[in-house]
């Protein structure tokens, strides 16, 4: 495929200056909310407003209230009516505020169904907004002392009201692996939580005190019974559902390991199958692949050598 792999990851794209210095201005939101050029990404139950294949950002006059505001930064490219340098704020809305702003449910969309169709700017804004809003949703109280926290620095810090300790946003790294055998077959697995016929690459979270490469070897061993070697980094993209960073690797089955000695763990992974490129192509009527917003889809198609016509899963 002619486009570099990293450029085919929908959620790794961005055209936003996160403006770390601007976050610290004491009167930041007073300035932003009185600036007619500021645009608001309205967020409600992990959905935002869209107009066809672009975000429908609103003015501050249209979005006057919310349960949380976070400064996302300034755009770095021009868009219709929104030149480069436009400041953007995400505002998390209540049910009532969302219904008042836009009662048409079809105008609201989650990230996964539209990510691959968004521009770099819009994909970056929506991904950033969802990730940071999800972090706030689970950090109303300090993990150090259990006391309430308040929002500071444009929404990028929470501070304990008791001892002043600060809590910063975190991301959970997870590895996802394109496992290949000596014949260049690709290993796909079916998760116990999925419907029949849905397959994807094997993946798992990185454990404390573990390198990414060690996580690759451990996870593949646990989920398939295979010993793999030579993990090679491919690329990464955020996956804000709620707070992951998916780190893509390829790895080869060890020479002394029989690739067909598959042992799915039976709890998380219930079925494992090897595919040649032709076999995968011929199975698309019965095998459901990950959606086009995922790094898994990009990795599978990179191995395949082109796009696969298969209904995406949101």
C-alpha atoms as a PDB file:
ATOM      1  CA  UNK A   1       0.000   0.000   0.000  1.00  0.00           C
ATOM      2  CA  UNK A   2       1.452   3.365  -1.018  1.00  0.00           C
ATOM      3  CA  UNK A   3       0.308   5.419   2.013  1.00  0.00           C
ATOM      4  CA  UNK A   4       2.648   4.980   5.013  1.00  0.00           C
ATOM      5  CA  UNK A   5       1.115   2.830   7.734  1.00  0.00           C
ATOM      6  CA  UNK A   6       1.183   5.566  10.375  1.00  0.00           C
ATOM      7  CA  UNK A   7      -0.821   7.852   8.076  1.00  0.00           C
ATOM      8  CA  UNK A   8      -3.615   5.270   7.803  1.00  0.00           C
ATOM      9  CA  UNK A   9      -4.443   5.286  11.515  1.00  0.00           C
ATOM     10  CA  UNK A  10      -7.608   7.408  11.805  1.00  0.00           C
ATOM     11  CA  UNK A  11      -7.283   8.352  15.462  1.00  0.00           C
ATOM     12  CA  UNK A  12      -3.567   9.187  15.379  1.00  0.00           C
ATOM     13  CA  UNK A  13      -4.196  12.154  13.095  1.00  0.00           C
ATOM     14  CA  UNK A  14      -4.365  15.689  14.400  1.00  0.00           C
ATOM     15  CA  UNK A  15      -4.017  19.306  13.389  1.00  0.00           C
ATOM     16  CA  UNK A  16      -4.216  20.949  16.791  1.00  0.00           C
ATOM     17  CA  UNK A  17      -1.686  22.896  18.864  1.00  0.00           C
ATOM     18  CA  UNK A  18      -2.619  21.860  22.399  1.00  0.00           C
ATOM     19  CA  UNK A  19      -1.179  25.168  23.686  1.00  0.00           C
ATOM     20  CA  UNK A  20       0.345  23.960  26.934  1.00  0.00           C
ATOM     21  CA  UNK A  21       1.371  27.495  27.896  1.00  0.00           C
ATOM     22  CA  UNK A  22      -2.108  28.894  27.291  1.00  0.00           C
ATOM     23  CA  UNK A  23      -3.641  26.357  29.679  1.00  0.00           C
ATOM     24  CA  UNK A  24      -1.957  28.041  32.648  1.00  0.00           C
ATOM     25  CA  UNK A  25      -3.446  31.510  32.120  1.00  0.00           C
ATOM     26  CA  UNK A  26      -5.566  32.350  35.207  1.00  0.00           C
ATOM     27  CA  UNK A  27      -8.308  34.028  33.150  1.00  0.00           C
ATOM     28  CA  UNK A  28      -8.202  31.450  30.337  1.00  0.00           C
ATOM     29  CA  UNK A  29     -11.910  30.632  30.159  1.00  0.00           C
ATOM     30  CA  UNK A  30     -12.976  34.233  30.687  1.00  0.00           C
ATOM     31  CA  UNK A  31     -10.916  35.065  27.596  1.00  0.00           C
ATOM     32  CA  UNK A  32     -12.081  32.094  25.564  1.00  0.00           C
ATOM     33  CA  UNK A  33     -15.784  32.476  26.297  1.00  0.00           C
ATOM     34  CA  UNK A  34     -15.786  36.158  25.333  1.00  0.00           C
ATOM     35  CA  UNK A  35     -13.763  35.555  22.154  1.00  0.00           C
ATOM     36  CA  UNK A  36     -16.112  35.408  19.160  1.00  0.00           C
ATOM     37  CA  UNK A  37     -13.680  33.149  17.312  1.00  0.00           C
ATOM     38  CA  UNK A  38     -13.730  30.413  19.966  1.00  0.00           C
ATOM     39  CA  UNK A  39     -15.497  27.251  18.854  1.00  0.00           C
ATOM     40  CA  UNK A  40     -17.159  24.683  21.102  1.00  0.00           C
ATOM     41  CA  UNK A  41     -17.185  20.922  20.621  1.00  0.00           C
ATOM     42  CA  UNK A  42     -20.380  19.894  22.402  1.00  0.00           C
ATOM     43  CA  UNK A  43     -20.052  16.450  24.005  1.00  0.00           C
ATOM     44  CA  UNK A  44     -22.972  14.406  25.285  1.00  0.00           C
ATOM     45  CA  UNK A  45     -22.750  10.720  26.205  1.00  0.00           C
ATOM     46  CA  UNK A  46     -19.543  10.357  24.136  1.00  0.00           C
ATOM     47  CA  UNK A  47     -21.213  11.893  21.067  1.00  0.00           C
ATOM     48  CA  UNK A  48     -20.796  15.233  19.357  1.00  0.00           C
ATOM     49  CA  UNK A  49     -22.603  17.173  16.652  1.00  0.00           C
ATOM     50  CA  UNK A  50     -21.682  16.410  13.056  1.00  0.00           C
ATOM     51  CA  UNK A  51     -22.581  17.783   9.663  1.00  0.00           C
ATOM     52  CA  UNK A  52     -22.018  15.054   7.093  1.00  0.00           C
ATOM     53  CA  UNK A  53     -18.324  14.137   7.437  1.00  0.00           C
ATOM     54  CA  UNK A  54     -17.188  17.058   9.579  1.00  0.00           C
ATOM     55  CA  UNK A  55     -17.656  18.235  13.135  1.00  0.00           C
ATOM     56  CA  UNK A  56     -20.343  20.854  13.668  1.00  0.00           C
ATOM     57  CA  UNK A  57     -18.531  23.117  16.121  1.00  0.00           C
ATOM     58  CA  UNK A  58     -20.637  25.827  17.730  1.00  0.00           C
ATOM     59  CA  UNK A  59     -19.994  29.344  18.995  1.00  0.00           C
ATOM     60  CA  UNK A  60     -19.759  30.149  22.698  1.00  0.00           C
ATOM     61  CA  UNK A  61     -23.022  32.067  22.379  1.00  0.00           C
ATOM     62  CA  UNK A  62     -24.779  28.857  21.342  1.00  0.00           C
ATOM     63  CA  UNK A  63     -23.316  26.706  24.145  1.00  0.00           C
ATOM     64  CA  UNK A  64     -23.660  28.737  27.312  1.00  0.00           C
ATOM     65  CA  UNK A  65     -23.673  26.022  29.968  1.00  0.00           C
ATOM     66  CA  UNK A  66     -22.134  22.656  30.694  1.00  0.00           C
ATOM     67  CA  UNK A  67     -20.981  20.403  33.513  1.00  0.00           C
ATOM     68  CA  UNK A  68     -17.351  20.584  32.376  1.00  0.00           C
ATOM     69  CA  UNK A  69     -15.239  22.731  30.050  1.00  0.00           C
ATOM     70  CA  UNK A  70     -11.782  21.785  28.788  1.00  0.00           C
ATOM     71  CA  UNK A  71      -9.480  23.781  26.546  1.00  0.00           C
ATOM     72  CA  UNK A  72      -8.354  21.601  23.621  1.00  0.00           C
ATOM     73  CA  UNK A  73      -5.968  24.113  22.028  1.00  0.00           C
ATOM     74  CA  UNK A  74      -5.805  25.966  18.715  1.00  0.00           C
ATOM     75  CA  UNK A  75      -6.261  24.502  15.274  1.00  0.00           C
ATOM     76  CA  UNK A  76      -3.284  24.526  12.907  1.00  0.00           C
ATOM     77  CA  UNK A  77      -5.109  24.293   9.574  1.00  0.00           C
ATOM     78  CA  UNK A  78      -7.885  26.268   7.905  1.00  0.00           C
ATOM     79  CA  UNK A  79     -11.455  24.976   7.798  1.00  0.00           C
ATOM     80  CA  UNK A  80     -14.591  26.678   6.432  1.00  0.00           C
ATOM     81  CA  UNK A  81     -15.304  29.613   8.742  1.00  0.00           C
ATOM     82  CA  UNK A  82     -12.630  28.431  11.165  1.00  0.00           C
ATOM     83  CA  UNK A  83      -9.127  29.559  10.163  1.00  0.00           C
ATOM     84  CA  UNK A  84      -5.926  28.148  11.597  1.00  0.00           C
ATOM     85  CA  UNK A  85      -5.443  29.407  15.139  1.00  0.00           C
ATOM     86  CA  UNK A  86      -9.097  28.973  16.113  1.00  0.00           C
ATOM     87  CA  UNK A  87      -9.349  28.151  19.850  1.00  0.00           C
ATOM     88  CA  UNK A  88     -11.512  25.119  20.647  1.00  0.00           C
ATOM     89  CA  UNK A  89     -13.175  24.169  23.924  1.00  0.00           C
ATOM     90  CA  UNK A  90     -15.010  20.922  24.651  1.00  0.00           C
ATOM     91  CA  UNK A  91     -18.130  21.361  26.785  1.00  0.00           C
ATOM     92  CA  UNK A  92     -19.767  18.320  28.380  1.00  0.00           C
ATOM     93  CA  UNK A  93     -23.531  18.769  28.340  1.00  0.00           C
ATOM     94  CA  UNK A  94     -26.412  17.561  30.466  1.00  0.00           C
ATOM     95  CA  UNK A  95     -29.319  15.765  28.802  1.00  0.00           C
ATOM     96  CA  UNK A  96     -31.419  18.915  28.926  1.00  0.00           C
ATOM     97  CA  UNK A  97     -28.689  21.144  27.493  1.00  0.00           C
ATOM     98  CA  UNK A  98     -27.990  18.682  24.659  1.00  0.00           C
ATOM     99  CA  UNK A  99     -31.673  18.458  23.747  1.00  0.00           C
ATOM    100  CA  UNK A 100     -31.973  22.234  23.727  1.00  0.00           C
ATOM    101  CA  UNK A 101     -28.865  22.674  21.601  1.00  0.00           C
ATOM    102  CA  UNK A 102     -29.824  20.052  19.006  1.00  0.00           C
ATOM    103  CA  UNK A 103     -32.947  17.902  19.429  1.00  0.00           C
ATOM    104  CA  UNK A 104     -32.320  15.906  16.234  1.00  0.00           C
ATOM    105  CA  UNK A 105     -30.644  12.684  17.442  1.00  0.00           C
ATOM    106  CA  UNK A 106     -29.300  11.978  13.960  1.00  0.00           C
ATOM    107  CA  UNK A 107     -27.052  15.035  14.213  1.00  0.00           C
ATOM    108  CA  UNK A 108     -25.181  13.446  17.134  1.00  0.00           C
ATOM    109  CA  UNK A 109     -22.507  10.808  16.462  1.00  0.00           C
ATOM    110  CA  UNK A 110     -19.939   8.809  18.364  1.00  0.00           C
ATOM    111  CA  UNK A 111     -16.323   8.761  17.254  1.00  0.00           C
ATOM    112  CA  UNK A 112     -15.993   5.190  15.993  1.00  0.00           C
ATOM    113  CA  UNK A 113     -18.640   5.308  13.226  1.00  0.00           C
ATOM    114  CA  UNK A 114     -17.162   8.399  11.560  1.00  0.00           C
ATOM    115  CA  UNK A 115     -13.472   8.558  12.516  1.00  0.00           C
ATOM    116  CA  UNK A 116     -12.084   7.340   9.206  1.00  0.00           C
ATOM    117  CA  UNK A 117     -14.141   9.947   7.292  1.00  0.00           C
ATOM    118  CA  UNK A 118     -13.131  12.961   9.377  1.00  0.00           C
ATOM    119  CA  UNK A 119     -10.367  15.384   8.450  1.00  0.00           C
ATOM    120  CA  UNK A 120      -7.105  15.289  10.392  1.00  0.00           C
ATOM    121  CA  UNK A 121      -8.239  18.322  12.376  1.00  0.00           C
ATOM    122  CA  UNK A 122     -11.645  16.924  13.270  1.00  0.00           C
ATOM    123  CA  UNK A 123     -10.360  13.435  14.087  1.00  0.00           C
ATOM    124  CA  UNK A 124      -7.768  14.942  16.410  1.00  0.00           C
ATOM    125  CA  UNK A 125     -10.251  17.235  18.131  1.00  0.00           C
ATOM    126  CA  UNK A 126     -12.876  14.550  18.711  1.00  0.00           C
ATOM    127  CA  UNK A 127     -10.309  12.015  19.950  1.00  0.00           C
ATOM    128  CA  UNK A 128      -8.694  14.518  22.316  1.00  0.00           C
ATOM    129  CA  UNK A 129     -12.061  15.702  23.620  1.00  0.00           C
ATOM    130  CA  UNK A 130     -13.363  12.211  24.306  1.00  0.00           C
ATOM    131  CA  UNK A 131     -10.150  11.036  25.954  1.00  0.00           C
ATOM    132  CA  UNK A 132      -9.823  13.958  28.348  1.00  0.00           C
ATOM    133  CA  UNK A 133     -13.560  13.998  29.170  1.00  0.00           C
ATOM    134  CA  UNK A 134     -13.434  10.289  30.012  1.00  0.00           C
ATOM    135  CA  UNK A 135     -10.494  10.909  32.331  1.00  0.00           C
ATOM    136  CA  UNK A 136     -12.424  13.602  34.195  1.00  0.00           C
ATOM    137  CA  UNK A 137     -15.449  11.327  34.519  1.00  0.00           C
ATOM    138  CA  UNK A 138     -13.420   8.855  36.605  1.00  0.00           C
ATOM    139  CA  UNK A 139     -11.277  11.297  38.602  1.00  0.00           C
ATOM    140  CA  UNK A 140     -13.697  13.436  40.558  1.00  0.00           C
ATOM    141  CA  UNK A 141     -11.919  12.188  43.663  1.00  0.00           C
ATOM    142  CA  UNK A 142      -8.209  12.023  44.366  1.00  0.00           C
ATOM    143  CA  UNK A 143      -6.676   8.549  43.992  1.00  0.00           C
ATOM    144  CA  UNK A 144      -4.232   9.533  46.739  1.00  0.00           C
ATOM    145  CA  UNK A 145      -6.639  10.439  49.539  1.00  0.00           C
ATOM    146  CA  UNK A 146     -10.180   9.968  48.208  1.00  0.00           C
ATOM    147  CA  UNK A 147     -11.031  13.636  48.622  1.00  0.00           C
ATOM    148  CA  UNK A 148     -12.880  15.762  46.044  1.00  0.00           C
ATOM    149  CA  UNK A 149     -10.806  17.417  43.326  1.00  0.00           C
ATOM    150  CA  UNK A 150     -11.255  20.635  41.364  1.00  0.00           C
ATOM    151  CA  UNK A 151     -10.381  21.324  37.749  1.00  0.00           C
ATOM    152  CA  UNK A 152      -7.403  23.558  36.922  1.00  0.00           C
ATOM    153  CA  UNK A 153      -5.138  24.522  34.011  1.00  0.00           C
ATOM    154  CA  UNK A 154      -7.786  24.518  31.337  1.00  0.00           C
ATOM    155  CA  UNK A 155      -9.034  21.082  32.326  1.00  0.00           C
ATOM    156  CA  UNK A 156      -5.673  19.301  32.225  1.00  0.00           C
ATOM    157  CA  UNK A 157      -5.095  19.031  35.988  1.00  0.00           C
ATOM    158  CA  UNK A 158      -7.277  18.127  38.953  1.00  0.00           C
ATOM    159  CA  UNK A 159      -6.231  19.263  42.434  1.00  0.00           C
ATOM    160  CA  UNK A 160      -7.220  17.806  45.794  1.00  0.00           C
ATOM    161  CA  UNK A 161      -9.141  20.258  47.970  1.00  0.00           C
ATOM    162  CA  UNK A 162      -7.553  18.752  51.073  1.00  0.00           C
ATOM    163  CA  UNK A 163      -3.808  18.628  50.535  1.00  0.00           C
ATOM    164  CA  UNK A 164      -3.391  20.399  47.172  1.00  0.00           C
ATOM    165  CA  UNK A 165      -1.919  17.336  45.458  1.00  0.00           C
ATOM    166  CA  UNK A 166      -2.357  17.311  41.690  1.00  0.00           C
ATOM    167  CA  UNK A 167      -3.676  14.528  39.472  1.00  0.00           C
ATOM    168  CA  UNK A 168      -2.756  14.458  35.781  1.00  0.00           C
ATOM    169  CA  UNK A 169      -4.446  12.656  32.873  1.00  0.00           C
ATOM    170  CA  UNK A 170      -3.292   9.102  32.253  1.00  0.00           C
ATOM    171  CA  UNK A 171      -3.425   6.728  29.306  1.00  0.00           C
ATOM    172  CA  UNK A 172      -3.458   2.928  29.526  1.00  0.00           C
ATOM    173  CA  UNK A 173      -1.051   1.351  26.989  1.00  0.00           C
ATOM    174  CA  UNK A 174      -2.182  -1.828  25.274  1.00  0.00           C
ATOM    175  CA  UNK A 175      -0.365  -3.873  22.654  1.00  0.00           C
ATOM    176  CA  UNK A 176      -2.046  -5.354  19.582  1.00  0.00           C
ATOM    177  CA  UNK A 177      -0.173  -7.868  17.465  1.00  0.00           C
ATOM    178  CA  UNK A 178      -0.043  -9.027  13.873  1.00  0.00           C
ATOM    179  CA  UNK A 179       1.117 -12.623  14.531  1.00  0.00           C
ATOM    180  CA  UNK A 180       2.575 -14.330  11.449  1.00  0.00           C
ATOM    181  CA  UNK A 181       3.880 -17.823  10.834  1.00  0.00           C
ATOM    182  CA  UNK A 182       6.609 -18.990   8.441  1.00  0.00           C
ATOM    183  CA  UNK A 183       4.081 -19.068   5.588  1.00  0.00           C
ATOM    184  CA  UNK A 184       3.041 -15.458   6.305  1.00  0.00           C
ATOM    185  CA  UNK A 185      -0.370 -16.536   7.523  1.00  0.00           C
ATOM    186  CA  UNK A 186      -2.146 -14.125   9.888  1.00  0.00           C
ATOM    187  CA  UNK A 187      -3.562 -15.212  13.245  1.00  0.00           C
ATOM    188  CA  UNK A 188      -7.001 -13.860  14.197  1.00  0.00           C
ATOM    189  CA  UNK A 189      -9.005 -14.561  17.324  1.00  0.00           C
ATOM    190  CA  UNK A 190     -12.625 -14.329  18.432  1.00  0.00           C
ATOM    191  CA  UNK A 191     -13.415 -12.866  21.842  1.00  0.00           C
ATOM    192  CA  UNK A 192     -15.966 -14.449  24.149  1.00  0.00           C
ATOM    193  CA  UNK A 193     -17.774 -11.104  24.420  1.00  0.00           C
ATOM    194  CA  UNK A 194     -18.335 -10.821  20.673  1.00  0.00           C
ATOM    195  CA  UNK A 195     -20.945 -12.271  18.392  1.00  0.00           C
ATOM    196  CA  UNK A 196     -20.327 -15.308  16.216  1.00  0.00           C
ATOM    197  CA  UNK A 197     -17.936 -14.760  13.331  1.00  0.00           C
ATOM    198  CA  UNK A 198     -16.250 -11.615  14.619  1.00  0.00           C
ATOM    199  CA  UNK A 199     -12.438 -11.810  14.511  1.00  0.00           C
ATOM    200  CA  UNK A 200      -9.551  -9.468  15.219  1.00  0.00           C
ATOM    201  CA  UNK A 201      -5.897  -9.379  16.148  1.00  0.00           C
ATOM    202  CA  UNK A 202      -4.841 -10.466  19.619  1.00  0.00           C
ATOM    203  CA  UNK A 203      -4.287  -7.629  22.081  1.00  0.00           C
ATOM    204  CA  UNK A 204      -3.918  -6.892  25.772  1.00  0.00           C
ATOM    205  CA  UNK A 205      -2.897  -4.313  28.337  1.00  0.00           C
ATOM    206  CA  UNK A 206       0.701  -3.748  29.349  1.00  0.00           C
ATOM    207  CA  UNK A 207       1.256  -4.772  32.960  1.00  0.00           C
ATOM    208  CA  UNK A 208       3.169  -2.700  35.543  1.00  0.00           C
ATOM    209  CA  UNK A 209       6.928  -3.096  35.244  1.00  0.00           C
ATOM    210  CA  UNK A 210       6.648  -4.588  31.749  1.00  0.00           C
ATOM    211  CA  UNK A 211       8.096  -3.408  28.433  1.00  0.00           C
ATOM    212  CA  UNK A 212       5.946  -3.280  25.334  1.00  0.00           C
ATOM    213  CA  UNK A 213       7.920  -6.102  23.744  1.00  0.00           C
ATOM    214  CA  UNK A 214       7.569  -8.291  26.824  1.00  0.00           C
ATOM    215  CA  UNK A 215       3.831  -7.633  26.825  1.00  0.00           C
ATOM    216  CA  UNK A 216       3.632  -8.842  23.211  1.00  0.00           C
ATOM    217  CA  UNK A 217       5.293 -12.147  24.048  1.00  0.00           C
ATOM    218  CA  UNK A 218       3.298 -12.657  27.253  1.00  0.00           C
ATOM    219  CA  UNK A 219      -0.128 -11.779  25.813  1.00  0.00           C
ATOM    220  CA  UNK A 220       0.247 -13.961  22.725  1.00  0.00           C
ATOM    221  CA  UNK A 221       1.392 -16.844  24.891  1.00  0.00           C
ATOM    222  CA  UNK A 222      -1.537 -16.439  27.275  1.00  0.00           C
ATOM    223  CA  UNK A 223      -4.208 -16.065  24.599  1.00  0.00           C
ATOM    224  CA  UNK A 224      -2.989 -18.537  21.969  1.00  0.00           C
ATOM    225  CA  UNK A 225      -0.421 -20.844  23.548  1.00  0.00           C
ATOM    226  CA  UNK A 226       2.115 -19.750  20.924  1.00  0.00           C
ATOM    227  CA  UNK A 227       5.626 -18.537  21.586  1.00  0.00           C
ATOM    228  CA  UNK A 228       6.464 -15.559  19.397  1.00  0.00           C
ATOM    229  CA  UNK A 229       9.732 -13.766  18.792  1.00  0.00           C
ATOM    230  CA  UNK A 230      11.118 -10.564  17.299  1.00  0.00           C
ATOM    231  CA  UNK A 231       8.348  -8.087  18.111  1.00  0.00           C
ATOM    232  CA  UNK A 232       8.547  -5.140  15.697  1.00  0.00           C
ATOM    233  CA  UNK A 233       6.853  -1.803  16.358  1.00  0.00           C
ATOM    234  CA  UNK A 234       4.412  -0.725  13.627  1.00  0.00           C
ATOM    235  CA  UNK A 235       2.603   2.340  14.958  1.00  0.00           C
ATOM    236  CA  UNK A 236       0.145   3.530  17.574  1.00  0.00           C
ATOM    237  CA  UNK A 237      -3.100   5.398  17.987  1.00  0.00           C
ATOM    238  CA  UNK A 238      -5.231   6.526  20.936  1.00  0.00           C
ATOM    239  CA  UNK A 239      -8.373   4.544  21.642  1.00  0.00           C
ATOM    240  CA  UNK A 240     -10.431   6.698  24.040  1.00  0.00           C
ATOM    241  CA  UNK A 241     -12.933   3.978  25.031  1.00  0.00           C
ATOM    242  CA  UNK A 242     -12.246   4.962  27.693  1.00  0.00           C
ATOM    243  CA  UNK A 243      -8.494   5.596  27.934  1.00  0.00           C
ATOM    244  CA  UNK A 244      -6.233   3.315  25.906  1.00  0.00           C
ATOM    245  CA  UNK A 245      -3.255   3.824  23.652  1.00  0.00           C
ATOM    246  CA  UNK A 246      -3.103   0.961  21.167  1.00  0.00           C
ATOM    247  CA  UNK A 247       0.478   0.106  20.239  1.00  0.00           C
ATOM    248  CA  UNK A 248       0.777  -2.064  17.145  1.00  0.00           C
ATOM    249  CA  UNK A 249       3.431  -4.753  16.708  1.00  0.00           C
ATOM    250  CA  UNK A 250       4.197  -7.611  14.377  1.00  0.00           C
ATOM    251  CA  UNK A 251       5.727 -10.831  15.706  1.00  0.00           C
ATOM    252  CA  UNK A 252       6.714 -14.188  14.270  1.00  0.00           C
ATOM    253  CA  UNK A 253       5.992 -17.656  15.611  1.00  0.00           C
ATOM    254  CA  UNK A 254       9.236 -19.125  16.978  1.00  0.00           C
ATOM    255  CA  UNK A 255      10.968 -21.620  14.678  1.00  0.00           C
ATOM    256  CA  UNK A 256      10.620 -24.427  17.222  1.00  0.00           C
ATOM    257  CA  UNK A 257       6.913 -23.747  17.746  1.00  0.00           C
ATOM    258  CA  UNK A 258       4.292 -25.610  15.681  1.00  0.00           C
ATOM    259  CA  UNK A 259       1.938 -22.807  14.532  1.00  0.00           C
ATOM    260  CA  UNK A 260      -1.126 -25.057  14.510  1.00  0.00           C
ATOM    261  CA  UNK A 261      -0.720 -25.954  18.199  1.00  0.00           C
ATOM    262  CA  UNK A 262      -3.236 -23.291  19.135  1.00  0.00           C
ATOM    263  CA  UNK A 263      -4.584 -23.137  22.681  1.00  0.00           C
ATOM    264  CA  UNK A 264      -7.160 -20.362  23.105  1.00  0.00           C
ATOM    265  CA  UNK A 265      -7.536 -19.528  26.772  1.00  0.00           C
ATOM    266  CA  UNK A 266     -11.266 -20.332  26.626  1.00  0.00           C
ATOM    267  CA  UNK A 267     -12.187 -17.355  28.800  1.00  0.00           C
ATOM    268  CA  UNK A 268     -11.278 -14.307  26.765  1.00  0.00           C
ATOM    269  CA  UNK A 269     -10.409 -15.939  23.431  1.00  0.00           C
ATOM    270  CA  UNK A 270     -12.734 -18.757  22.350  1.00  0.00           C
ATOM    271  CA  UNK A 271     -11.543 -19.375  18.784  1.00  0.00           C
ATOM    272  CA  UNK A 272      -8.303 -18.895  16.856  1.00  0.00           C
ATOM    273  CA  UNK A 273      -7.804 -19.223  13.111  1.00  0.00           C
ATOM    274  CA  UNK A 274      -4.910 -18.816  10.683  1.00  0.00           C
ATOM    275  CA  UNK A 275      -5.632 -17.049   7.403  1.00  0.00           C
ATOM    276  CA  UNK A 276      -3.759 -16.747   4.155  1.00  0.00           C
ATOM    277  CA  UNK A 277      -4.616 -13.628   2.174  1.00  0.00           C
ATOM    278  CA  UNK A 278      -6.819 -15.626  -0.157  1.00  0.00           C
ATOM    279  CA  UNK A 279      -8.556 -17.402   2.705  1.00  0.00           C
ATOM    280  CA  UNK A 280      -9.379 -14.116   4.399  1.00  0.00           C
ATOM    281  CA  UNK A 281     -10.692 -12.660   1.150  1.00  0.00           C
ATOM    282  CA  UNK A 282     -12.858 -15.726   0.586  1.00  0.00           C
ATOM    283  CA  UNK A 283     -14.211 -15.614   4.164  1.00  0.00           C
ATOM    284  CA  UNK A 284     -15.499 -12.042   4.217  1.00  0.00           C
ATOM    285  CA  UNK A 285     -19.117 -13.177   3.977  1.00  0.00           C
ATOM    286  CA  UNK A 286     -18.779 -15.001   7.298  1.00  0.00           C
ATOM    287  CA  UNK A 287     -15.883 -13.252   9.082  1.00  0.00           C
ATOM    288  CA  UNK A 288     -16.560  -9.801  10.527  1.00  0.00           C
ATOM    289  CA  UNK A 289     -13.473  -7.615  10.838  1.00  0.00           C
ATOM    290  CA  UNK A 290     -12.850  -4.653  13.159  1.00  0.00           C
ATOM    291  CA  UNK A 291     -14.201  -1.245  12.157  1.00  0.00           C
ATOM    292  CA  UNK A 292     -12.201   1.173  10.046  1.00  0.00           C
ATOM    293  CA  UNK A 293     -11.527   3.476  12.983  1.00  0.00           C
ATOM    294  CA  UNK A 294      -9.387   0.817  14.681  1.00  0.00           C
ATOM    295  CA  UNK A 295      -5.670   0.160  14.420  1.00  0.00           C
ATOM    296  CA  UNK A 296      -6.576  -3.539  14.087  1.00  0.00           C
ATOM    297  CA  UNK A 297      -8.273  -2.906  10.753  1.00  0.00           C
ATOM    298  CA  UNK A 298      -5.304  -0.888   9.498  1.00  0.00           C
ATOM    299  CA  UNK A 299      -2.867  -3.630  10.523  1.00  0.00           C
ATOM    300  CA  UNK A 300      -4.918  -6.377   8.887  1.00  0.00           C
ATOM    301  CA  UNK A 301      -5.207  -4.426   5.646  1.00  0.00           C
ATOM    302  CA  UNK A 302      -1.491  -3.573   5.731  1.00  0.00           C
ATOM    303  CA  UNK A 303      -0.707  -7.304   5.874  1.00  0.00           C
ATOM    304  CA  UNK A 304      -3.331  -8.053   3.215  1.00  0.00           C
ATOM    305  CA  UNK A 305      -1.966  -5.392   0.866  1.00  0.00           C
ATOM    306  CA  UNK A 306      -5.138  -3.384   0.288  1.00  0.00           C
ATOM    307  CA  UNK A 307      -8.608  -2.546   1.547  1.00  0.00           C
ATOM    308  CA  UNK A 308     -10.945  -5.373   2.443  1.00  0.00           C
ATOM    309  CA  UNK A 309     -14.624  -4.960   1.632  1.00  0.00           C
ATOM    310  CA  UNK A 310     -16.242  -5.974   4.861  1.00  0.00           C
ATOM    311  CA  UNK A 311     -18.954  -4.311   6.925  1.00  0.00           C
ATOM    312  CA  UNK A 312     -17.228  -2.358   9.707  1.00  0.00           C
ATOM    313  CA  UNK A 313     -18.108  -2.876  13.334  1.00  0.00           C
ATOM    314  CA  UNK A 314     -18.462   0.392  15.233  1.00  0.00           C
END
